[in-house]
Each structure stands twice: as structure tokens, then as C-alpha cells.
Amino acid sequence: MNILKMNRPEKRVLVGMSGGIDSTATCLMLKEQGYEIVGLTMWVWGDEPVEARQLADSMGIEHYVADEREAFRKVIVQNFIDEYCQGRTPNPCVMCNPTFKFRILTEWADKLDCTFISTGHYSRLEEKNGNIYIVAGDDDKKDQSYFLWRLGQDVLRRCLFPLGTYTKLQVREYLREKGYQLKAEEGESMEVCFIKGDYRDFLREHSPEIDREIGPGWFVNSEGVKLGEHKGFPYYTIGQRKGLEIALGKPAYVLKINPQKNTVMLGDAEQLRTEYMLAEQDNIIDEQEFFSAPDLAVRIRYRSKPIPCMVKRLEDGRLFVHFLSEASAIAPGQSAVFYIGRRVVGGSFIASQRGIGLVISENK
């Protein structure tokens, strides 16, 4: 039995319906479990979501569209552009989930008298010591717990994630069994809903002033020696190897980005490795458990393996993370999501690593 099926007579749930495989399966599964389904499609980018409306009609589901295109462009897309223009590497899904997706679902759920909200995320929920925790989905290839760390307890208490115990293959098979053969054969949805192809082309199209105001700069080595010209620091990310368009006679990786000087530091893979990291703007559920856990691990990018670690809070509020096995390519702006086993116990944004040498010497 789902821990969030509270002792209430209402079984009315608002489902975020994109019209894709996962949200379609979510609606069907919840309907089978006896819920009354209401569909909400968020129109944030691209063409009007006709397919979602048609799907809702075919299922006999009450359906609404929330036109959030303007606000999404001003907040999520602009943040994406701004982060790259500050030399950081953003993850728009991490920003969107609390700021848009789950906020809008919650507001509409209240408006439409829905007790619960649900999405097609491959994650599970678990209650422990009165707190609700996000748990990694059973399908390691599709697990989306990494993107949800900023959701608050008030939202999580209303969430249902029926796909958490399924693999993607099982979800496709489920849709076939329910008569949705064409839907089951559809391709994967894009990781970033508003970008098709390379993010650099998106930046050029939606922020042409990057080339005008920032323009080309210098690739440098760790001693500051100029190696050649680059196209502008927003077009590079920490750890990048391909697409540098510079021949150094050996593989080169982006080590650091300096927005003030418009320089991109290159080096070898060994120089990307580190034992320590700084993180900021954290959301930790149980601080006592978090800071004393002997089996804490952290993911520093989506789909990376969790790395065993120890964490200390600095006087300025930032987190000082000590990796207990090898970590590489620490990219400011990405999320650091902390796990005990498969349970998400906290998250934060990877901070600028400037001055970390001093922090290490003071905290060893």
C-alpha cells in the first residue's frame, strides 16, 4: 500500500500530463488503483499540447492546460542562459521542478479539489521518522530522484509516483497490454524540454548578445600560458573534451572557466580529479542523520555513480564535501545530491571552487 494514501475519503489526483509514455502510464495505473484522475498539461514551450488533450479525451479524463510560456521563458530559460553567462553549468530540470512543475500542480490541485498530485517520474517515496524521502527508482537507467531534491515536505506529502517500481521496458509493455501500442513504441522525451540538439546553438539563438558582448577569449593552461583562441566561455563546461577545436597533441579537458577574464583553462584528465568540493543553497531533511551518516554518498551529475563522502558545514553556511573515492570534473551550477543507500537525504548546488585550497587547509 502506498504510504501516501492518507486516511481521507478523497481519491482525486491531479496528474501532470505531457502526452508522453510516462504520464500516460501514470494516468492508467492510478485509474486502475481507484483514483479519480484530473489531467493538467503545462504549456511551457513549443506548440499547443494537442496530443495530451486528445489522450485525456480518449481516457475520459477531466483535462486542463496551464499556459505558462511567458513565465517559463522569463524564469527557467533566462536562468539557464544567465548561468552559462556566469561560467556555471545549469540543470534546468532541478530549477523547474519546485519553481514551476510542482508549484503549478499544487496550485491547480487546490483549485480543482485534488488531494494528491502525480507525475511520471521514475522515483519512489518513503516515510522515515515523520519525514517523506525521495527514493531512487528501481530502474537505474531512468531513475530521476536526482532532479527532485529541492521539493519540500509539504509537496512530497501530496505526491504519488506510480512508476518508481517499474523499468521503462515494463512501462512500455504495460501500455501495450492496455491497448496503447503506438504510444508504447514512442521514442524518449528530451532531457531538457526546450532544447533540441546542442545547447550552444540554443544560446546563440536566444541570447545573441553573448557573441557581441563576450566574444572570443583565450584557452590557457594551468600556468596561465595562452594556448589558442576559444569562441566565448559560455560555450564550454567543466570536464568537456570534445568540440574544443584546438590541437595540443594530446587529449585536453576544460578544467576551469573564468568569466571575468573570458579564459578557459585546459589540462589533462588527472588535473580534473579532486578529493574535495564546496556546495551551497542546500536542502537537507534531517541534519543530525546527514552529518553523522557513515554511509553518505553524493552524485555530482545526473547518471553518475554516487561517491562515498563526508560533509561538514562551514561557518559561512556552505557545505565542505570530502570525497572518499575518486571524483572528477566538479562543475559549479550542477546539483550535488546526497544519498544514504537509495534514499535522497539532501541536495545542494555545486559552488564556485575558488579559494578551496584555503578551506581544505583550515578543515583537514
Protein backbone atom coordinates (compact mmCIF):
# COMPACT_ATOMS: atom_id res chain seq x y z
CA MET A 1 0.00 0.00 0.00
CA ASN A 2 1.32 3.45 -0.89
CA ILE A 3 2.36 5.30 2.28
CA LEU A 4 0.80 8.49 0.96
CA LYS A 5 -2.71 7.11 0.59
CA MET A 6 -3.87 9.06 3.60
CA ASN A 7 -6.97 8.25 5.59
CA ARG A 8 -9.16 10.57 3.57
CA PRO A 9 -12.24 9.76 1.54
CA GLU A 10 -10.91 11.72 -1.45
CA LYS A 11 -9.07 9.79 -4.12
CA ARG A 12 -8.89 12.65 -6.58
CA VAL A 13 -5.43 13.18 -8.06
CA LEU A 14 -4.06 15.80 -10.43
CA VAL A 15 -1.63 14.24 -12.92
CA GLY A 16 0.92 16.26 -14.85
CA MET A 17 0.13 15.10 -18.40
CA SER A 18 2.70 15.74 -21.11
CA GLY A 19 1.08 13.31 -23.54
CA GLY A 20 4.18 11.11 -23.43
CA ILE A 21 4.73 7.48 -22.44
CA ASP A 22 5.32 8.02 -18.74
CA SER A 23 2.45 10.36 -17.91
CA THR A 24 0.05 8.20 -19.95
CA ALA A 25 1.07 5.10 -17.98
CA THR A 26 0.76 7.10 -14.75
CA CYS A 27 -2.86 8.01 -15.53
CA LEU A 28 -3.77 4.42 -16.40
CA MET A 29 -2.11 2.95 -13.31
CA LEU A 30 -3.72 5.40 -10.92
CA LYS A 31 -7.10 4.86 -12.56
CA GLU A 32 -6.68 1.11 -12.00
CA GLN A 33 -5.93 1.82 -8.34
CA GLY A 34 -9.30 3.54 -7.99
CA TYR A 35 -8.25 7.17 -8.21
CA GLU A 36 -10.30 9.83 -9.92
CA ILE A 37 -7.88 11.38 -12.43
CA VAL A 38 -7.69 15.01 -13.46
CA GLY A 39 -5.08 15.87 -16.09
CA LEU A 40 -3.08 19.11 -16.20
CA THR A 41 -0.78 19.89 -19.11
CA MET A 42 1.74 22.69 -18.63
CA TRP A 43 2.31 24.55 -21.86
CA VAL A 44 5.77 25.99 -21.30
CA TRP A 45 7.41 25.71 -24.73
CA GLY A 46 6.65 24.91 -28.35
CA ASP A 47 3.28 24.17 -29.93
CA GLU A 48 -0.05 23.85 -28.19
CA PRO A 49 -0.21 20.46 -26.37
CA VAL A 50 -2.93 18.92 -28.54
CA GLU A 51 -1.82 15.31 -28.03
CA ALA A 52 -2.21 15.46 -24.25
CA ARG A 53 -5.74 16.83 -24.62
CA GLN A 54 -6.65 14.07 -27.11
CA LEU A 55 -5.24 11.41 -24.79
CA ALA A 56 -7.24 12.77 -21.87
CA ASP A 57 -10.39 12.71 -24.02
CA SER A 58 -9.74 9.10 -25.07
CA MET A 59 -9.37 8.09 -21.41
CA GLY A 60 -12.40 10.07 -20.29
CA ILE A 61 -10.24 12.25 -18.05
CA GLU A 62 -11.09 15.80 -16.99
CA HIS A 63 -8.29 17.91 -18.50
CA TYR A 64 -6.87 21.44 -18.25
CA VAL A 65 -4.00 23.35 -19.85
CA ALA A 66 -1.89 25.83 -17.87
CA ASP A 67 -0.33 28.31 -20.30
CA GLU A 68 2.94 29.20 -18.57
CA ARG A 69 5.02 30.03 -21.65
CA GLU A 70 5.83 33.62 -20.76
CA ALA A 71 6.73 32.94 -17.12
CA PHE A 72 8.76 29.84 -18.07
CA ARG A 73 10.77 31.89 -20.58
CA LYS A 74 11.41 34.66 -18.05
CA VAL A 75 12.38 32.38 -15.18
CA ILE A 76 13.66 28.95 -16.24
CA VAL A 77 15.05 29.71 -19.70
CA GLN A 78 16.56 33.01 -18.58
CA ASN A 79 18.20 31.30 -15.59
CA PHE A 80 19.64 28.70 -17.97
CA ILE A 81 21.18 31.45 -20.13
CA ASP A 82 22.35 33.50 -17.14
CA GLU A 83 24.09 30.53 -15.52
CA TYR A 84 26.16 29.83 -18.63
CA CYS A 85 26.99 33.54 -18.82
CA GLN A 86 28.41 33.29 -15.29
CA GLY A 87 30.62 30.34 -16.19
CA ARG A 88 28.35 27.80 -14.48
CA THR A 89 26.63 24.65 -15.80
CA PRO A 90 22.91 24.72 -15.01
CA ASN A 91 20.42 21.89 -14.72
CA PRO A 92 17.06 23.39 -15.73
CA CYS A 93 15.01 20.39 -14.51
CA VAL A 94 16.29 20.95 -10.96
CA MET A 95 15.17 24.57 -11.19
CA CYS A 96 11.86 23.80 -12.89
CA ASN A 97 10.54 21.11 -10.54
CA PRO A 98 9.97 23.29 -7.44
CA THR A 99 9.64 26.65 -9.21
CA PHE A 100 7.24 25.53 -11.94
CA LYS A 101 6.12 21.94 -12.29
CA PHE A 102 5.23 21.04 -8.71
CA ARG A 103 4.24 24.57 -7.70
CA ILE A 104 1.73 24.77 -10.56
CA LEU A 105 0.47 21.23 -9.90
CA THR A 106 -0.08 22.09 -6.23
CA GLU A 107 -1.89 25.36 -7.02
CA TRP A 108 -4.17 23.69 -9.57
CA ALA A 109 -4.76 20.71 -7.27
CA ASP A 110 -6.05 23.10 -4.60
CA LYS A 111 -8.22 24.86 -7.18
CA LEU A 112 -9.65 21.58 -8.50
CA ASP A 113 -10.12 19.89 -5.11
CA CYS A 114 -7.47 17.24 -5.71
CA THR A 115 -5.89 15.72 -2.61
CA PHE A 116 -2.88 14.33 -4.47
CA ILE A 117 -0.58 15.28 -7.32
CA SER A 118 1.27 12.83 -9.52
CA THR A 119 3.89 12.78 -12.28
CA GLY A 120 5.63 10.15 -14.38
CA HIS A 121 8.95 10.46 -12.53
CA TYR A 122 10.86 7.21 -12.03
CA SER A 123 11.21 7.68 -8.28
CA ARG A 124 9.63 6.34 -5.11
CA LEU A 125 8.69 7.82 -1.75
CA GLU A 126 9.37 6.54 1.74
CA GLU A 127 8.43 7.75 5.21
CA LYS A 128 11.04 7.74 8.00
CA ASN A 129 10.84 9.45 11.39
CA GLY A 130 7.91 11.56 10.22
CA ASN A 131 9.69 12.80 7.08
CA ILE A 132 8.96 11.91 3.47
CA TYR A 133 12.02 10.96 1.44
CA ILE A 134 12.52 10.62 -2.30
CA VAL A 135 13.96 7.19 -3.12
CA ALA A 136 15.77 6.25 -6.33
CA GLY A 137 13.53 4.46 -8.83
CA ASP A 138 14.11 0.75 -9.41
CA ASP A 139 15.29 1.36 -12.99
CA ASP A 140 18.83 2.71 -12.57
CA LYS A 141 18.89 3.90 -16.18
CA LYS A 142 15.74 6.01 -15.74
CA ASP A 143 15.92 6.97 -12.05
CA GLN A 144 15.01 10.67 -11.69
CA SER A 145 15.50 11.18 -7.95
CA TYR A 146 18.46 13.46 -8.76
CA PHE A 147 16.14 16.14 -10.16
CA LEU A 148 13.73 16.27 -7.21
CA TRP A 149 15.94 17.25 -4.24
CA ARG A 150 14.53 20.79 -3.94
CA LEU A 151 10.95 19.66 -3.30
CA GLY A 152 9.68 20.48 0.18
CA GLN A 153 7.90 18.21 2.63
CA ASP A 154 4.55 19.92 2.03
CA VAL A 155 4.71 18.96 -1.66
CA LEU A 156 6.12 15.46 -1.14
CA ARG A 157 3.28 14.57 1.25
CA ARG A 158 0.84 15.00 -1.65
CA CYS A 159 2.87 13.18 -4.31
CA LEU A 160 2.24 9.83 -5.94
CA PHE A 161 4.95 8.32 -8.16
CA PRO A 162 3.49 5.06 -9.54
CA LEU A 163 6.37 4.42 -11.98
CA GLY A 164 9.04 4.15 -9.27
CA THR A 165 8.91 0.36 -9.13
CA TYR A 166 8.88 -0.10 -12.93
CA THR A 167 11.58 -0.16 -15.57
CA LYS A 168 11.00 1.74 -18.80
CA LEU A 169 10.65 -1.57 -20.66
CA GLN A 170 7.95 -2.66 -18.21
CA VAL A 171 6.10 0.64 -18.69
CA ARG A 172 6.14 0.16 -22.48
CA GLU A 173 4.85 -3.40 -22.05
CA TYR A 174 2.13 -2.16 -19.68
CA LEU A 175 0.94 0.35 -22.31
CA ARG A 176 0.84 -2.38 -24.97
CA GLU A 177 -1.29 -4.55 -22.69
CA LYS A 178 -3.69 -1.63 -22.19
CA GLY A 179 -4.10 -1.14 -25.93
CA TYR A 180 -1.75 1.84 -26.35
CA GLN A 181 0.53 0.14 -28.88
CA LEU A 182 1.59 3.30 -30.75
CA LYS A 183 2.29 5.16 -27.52
CA ALA A 184 4.39 2.25 -26.25
CA GLU A 185 6.63 2.50 -29.32
CA GLU A 186 7.34 6.23 -28.99
CA GLY A 187 10.89 7.49 -28.53
CA GLU A 188 12.35 9.00 -25.40
CA SER A 189 11.47 12.56 -24.46
CA MET A 190 14.25 15.15 -24.41
CA GLU A 191 16.12 15.63 -21.13
CA VAL A 192 15.76 19.41 -21.46
CA CYS A 193 12.31 20.09 -22.87
CA PHE A 194 13.16 23.38 -24.58
CA ILE A 195 16.39 22.31 -26.29
CA LYS A 196 16.71 20.24 -29.44
CA GLY A 197 20.33 19.49 -30.24
CA ASP A 198 23.30 21.38 -28.83
CA TYR A 199 22.73 23.91 -26.03
CA ARG A 200 25.29 26.22 -27.68
CA ASP A 201 23.03 26.69 -30.69
CA PHE A 202 20.19 27.49 -28.29
CA LEU A 203 22.31 30.12 -26.54
CA ARG A 204 23.24 31.73 -29.86
CA GLU A 205 19.60 31.84 -30.96
CA HIS A 206 18.06 33.09 -27.73
CA SER A 207 20.92 35.23 -26.44
CA PRO A 208 22.78 36.62 -29.49
CA GLU A 209 24.39 39.28 -27.28
CA ILE A 210 26.76 36.56 -25.96
CA ASP A 211 28.81 36.78 -29.14
CA ARG A 212 28.59 40.57 -29.18
CA GLU A 213 29.27 41.31 -25.50
CA ILE A 214 31.50 38.37 -24.53
CA GLY A 215 33.00 37.14 -27.77
CA PRO A 216 36.18 35.10 -28.23
CA GLY A 217 38.73 34.65 -25.44
CA TRP A 218 41.80 32.58 -24.65
CA PHE A 219 42.36 28.96 -23.84
CA VAL A 220 45.10 28.88 -21.17
CA ASN A 221 46.97 26.15 -19.32
CA SER A 222 47.23 25.87 -15.52
CA GLU A 223 50.19 28.31 -15.57
CA GLY A 224 48.14 30.90 -17.44
CA VAL A 225 50.00 30.47 -20.74
CA LYS A 226 47.79 31.18 -23.77
CA LEU A 227 47.16 28.07 -25.89
CA GLY A 228 44.82 29.43 -28.56
CA GLU A 229 41.52 31.24 -29.04
CA HIS A 230 38.08 29.97 -27.99
CA LYS A 231 34.59 31.13 -29.01
CA GLY A 232 33.48 32.56 -25.66
CA PHE A 233 33.43 30.97 -22.20
CA PRO A 234 29.62 30.30 -22.07
CA TYR A 235 30.07 27.66 -24.77
CA TYR A 236 32.21 25.40 -22.53
CA THR A 237 31.63 23.23 -19.47
CA ILE A 238 33.96 21.74 -16.87
CA GLY A 239 35.19 18.31 -17.98
CA GLN A 240 34.42 18.92 -21.68
CA ARG A 241 36.81 17.19 -24.08
CA LYS A 242 35.03 17.14 -27.45
CA GLY A 243 34.37 20.19 -29.60
CA LEU A 244 37.21 22.31 -28.23
CA GLU A 245 38.61 22.81 -31.75
CA ILE A 246 42.19 23.12 -30.57
CA ALA A 247 45.07 20.71 -31.33
CA LEU A 248 47.51 20.23 -28.47
CA GLY A 249 48.89 16.84 -29.47
CA LYS A 250 47.12 15.10 -26.57
CA PRO A 251 43.57 14.95 -25.15
CA ALA A 252 42.63 18.20 -23.42
CA TYR A 253 39.82 18.84 -20.94
CA VAL A 254 38.20 22.01 -19.61
CA LEU A 255 39.50 22.46 -16.05
CA LYS A 256 38.23 25.92 -15.10
CA ILE A 257 36.23 28.78 -16.55
CA ASN A 258 37.00 32.39 -15.62
CA PRO A 259 34.08 34.64 -16.69
CA GLN A 260 35.86 37.83 -15.57
CA LYS A 261 38.82 37.22 -17.88
CA ASN A 262 36.90 35.18 -20.51
CA THR A 263 39.50 32.43 -20.21
CA VAL A 264 39.00 28.66 -20.35
CA MET A 265 41.71 26.60 -18.64
CA LEU A 266 42.66 23.32 -20.33
CA GLY A 267 44.59 20.38 -18.91
CA ASP A 268 44.66 16.61 -18.70
CA ALA A 269 42.23 14.21 -17.02
CA GLU A 270 44.42 13.92 -13.92
CA GLN A 271 44.01 17.64 -13.22
CA LEU A 272 40.21 17.25 -13.12
CA ARG A 273 40.39 14.82 -10.20
CA THR A 274 39.78 16.09 -6.71
CA GLU A 275 39.14 14.97 -3.13
CA TYR A 276 37.09 18.00 -2.09
CA MET A 277 34.19 20.19 -3.18
CA LEU A 278 32.21 23.19 -1.96
CA ALA A 279 28.42 23.29 -2.25
CA GLU A 280 25.76 25.87 -1.36
CA GLN A 281 21.98 26.52 -1.05
CA ASP A 282 21.36 23.10 0.43
CA ASN A 283 18.11 21.36 1.31
CA ILE A 284 18.80 18.71 3.98
CA ILE A 285 15.91 16.79 5.51
CA ASP A 286 17.44 15.56 8.80
CA GLU A 287 20.71 17.33 9.58
CA GLN A 288 21.56 15.09 12.54
CA GLU A 289 21.34 11.96 10.38
CA PHE A 290 23.00 13.66 7.41
CA PHE A 291 26.18 14.89 9.11
CA SER A 292 26.71 11.72 11.16
CA ALA A 293 25.88 9.10 8.50
CA PRO A 294 28.78 6.68 7.90
CA ASP A 295 27.36 5.61 4.53
CA LEU A 296 26.64 9.01 2.94
CA ALA A 297 27.27 9.27 -0.82
CA VAL A 298 26.88 12.08 -3.36
CA ARG A 299 26.01 12.27 -7.04
CA ILE A 300 27.67 15.25 -8.72
CA ARG A 301 25.83 14.91 -12.05
CA TYR A 302 22.83 13.05 -13.41
CA ARG A 303 23.59 9.39 -14.12
CA SER A 304 26.94 9.49 -12.32
CA LYS A 305 27.50 6.89 -9.63
CA PRO A 306 27.13 8.10 -6.03
CA ILE A 307 30.57 8.73 -4.48
CA PRO A 308 31.07 7.93 -0.75
CA CYS A 309 31.73 11.16 1.13
CA MET A 310 31.84 13.03 4.43
CA VAL A 311 30.30 16.50 4.75
CA LYS A 312 30.92 19.40 7.12
CA ARG A 313 29.07 22.70 7.33
CA LEU A 314 31.38 25.74 7.16
CA GLU A 315 30.80 28.88 9.22
CA ASP A 316 29.61 30.73 6.11
CA GLY A 317 26.86 28.11 5.59
CA ARG A 318 28.41 26.28 2.64
CA LEU A 319 28.97 22.52 2.65
CA PHE A 320 32.53 21.18 2.55
CA VAL A 321 32.45 17.77 0.91
CA HIS A 322 35.30 15.28 1.30
CA PHE A 323 35.12 12.51 -1.32
CA LEU A 324 36.22 9.09 -0.02
CA SER A 325 36.84 7.76 -3.54
CA GLU A 326 37.80 9.44 -6.79
CA ALA A 327 35.74 12.39 -8.03
CA SER A 328 36.31 14.33 -11.23
CA ALA A 329 35.03 17.35 -13.18
CA ILE A 330 33.34 19.39 -10.45
CA ALA A 331 31.03 21.74 -12.37
CA PRO A 332 29.63 24.77 -10.46
CA GLY A 333 25.89 25.12 -11.07
CA GLN A 334 25.24 21.38 -11.23
CA SER A 335 23.49 19.66 -8.33
CA ALA A 336 25.19 17.61 -5.64
CA VAL A 337 22.54 15.15 -4.44
CA PHE A 338 23.24 13.12 -1.30
CA TYR A 339 22.05 9.56 -0.70
CA ILE A 340 22.02 7.02 2.10
CA GLY A 341 21.52 3.84 0.13
CA ARG A 342 18.83 4.74 -2.43
CA ARG A 343 17.22 7.40 -0.25
CA VAL A 344 17.78 11.09 -1.05
CA VAL A 345 18.71 12.78 2.23
CA GLY A 346 19.64 16.20 0.85
CA GLY A 347 20.87 18.21 -2.07
CA SER A 348 22.72 21.40 -2.91
CA PHE A 349 24.23 23.34 -5.79
CA ILE A 350 27.91 22.88 -6.54
CA ALA A 351 29.51 26.22 -5.67
CA SER A 352 32.48 28.04 -7.16
CA GLN A 353 35.60 26.18 -6.06
CA ARG A 354 37.63 29.37 -5.84
CA GLY A 355 39.59 29.51 -2.59
CA ILE A 356 39.02 25.83 -1.84
CA GLY A 357 42.75 25.33 -1.10
CA LEU A 358 42.46 27.59 1.96
CA VAL A 359 39.25 25.82 3.07
CA ILE A 360 41.00 22.44 2.79
CA SER A 361 43.98 23.55 4.87
CA GLU A 362 41.68 25.00 7.56
CA ASN A 363 39.45 21.91 7.77
CA LYS A 364 41.78 18.94 7.41
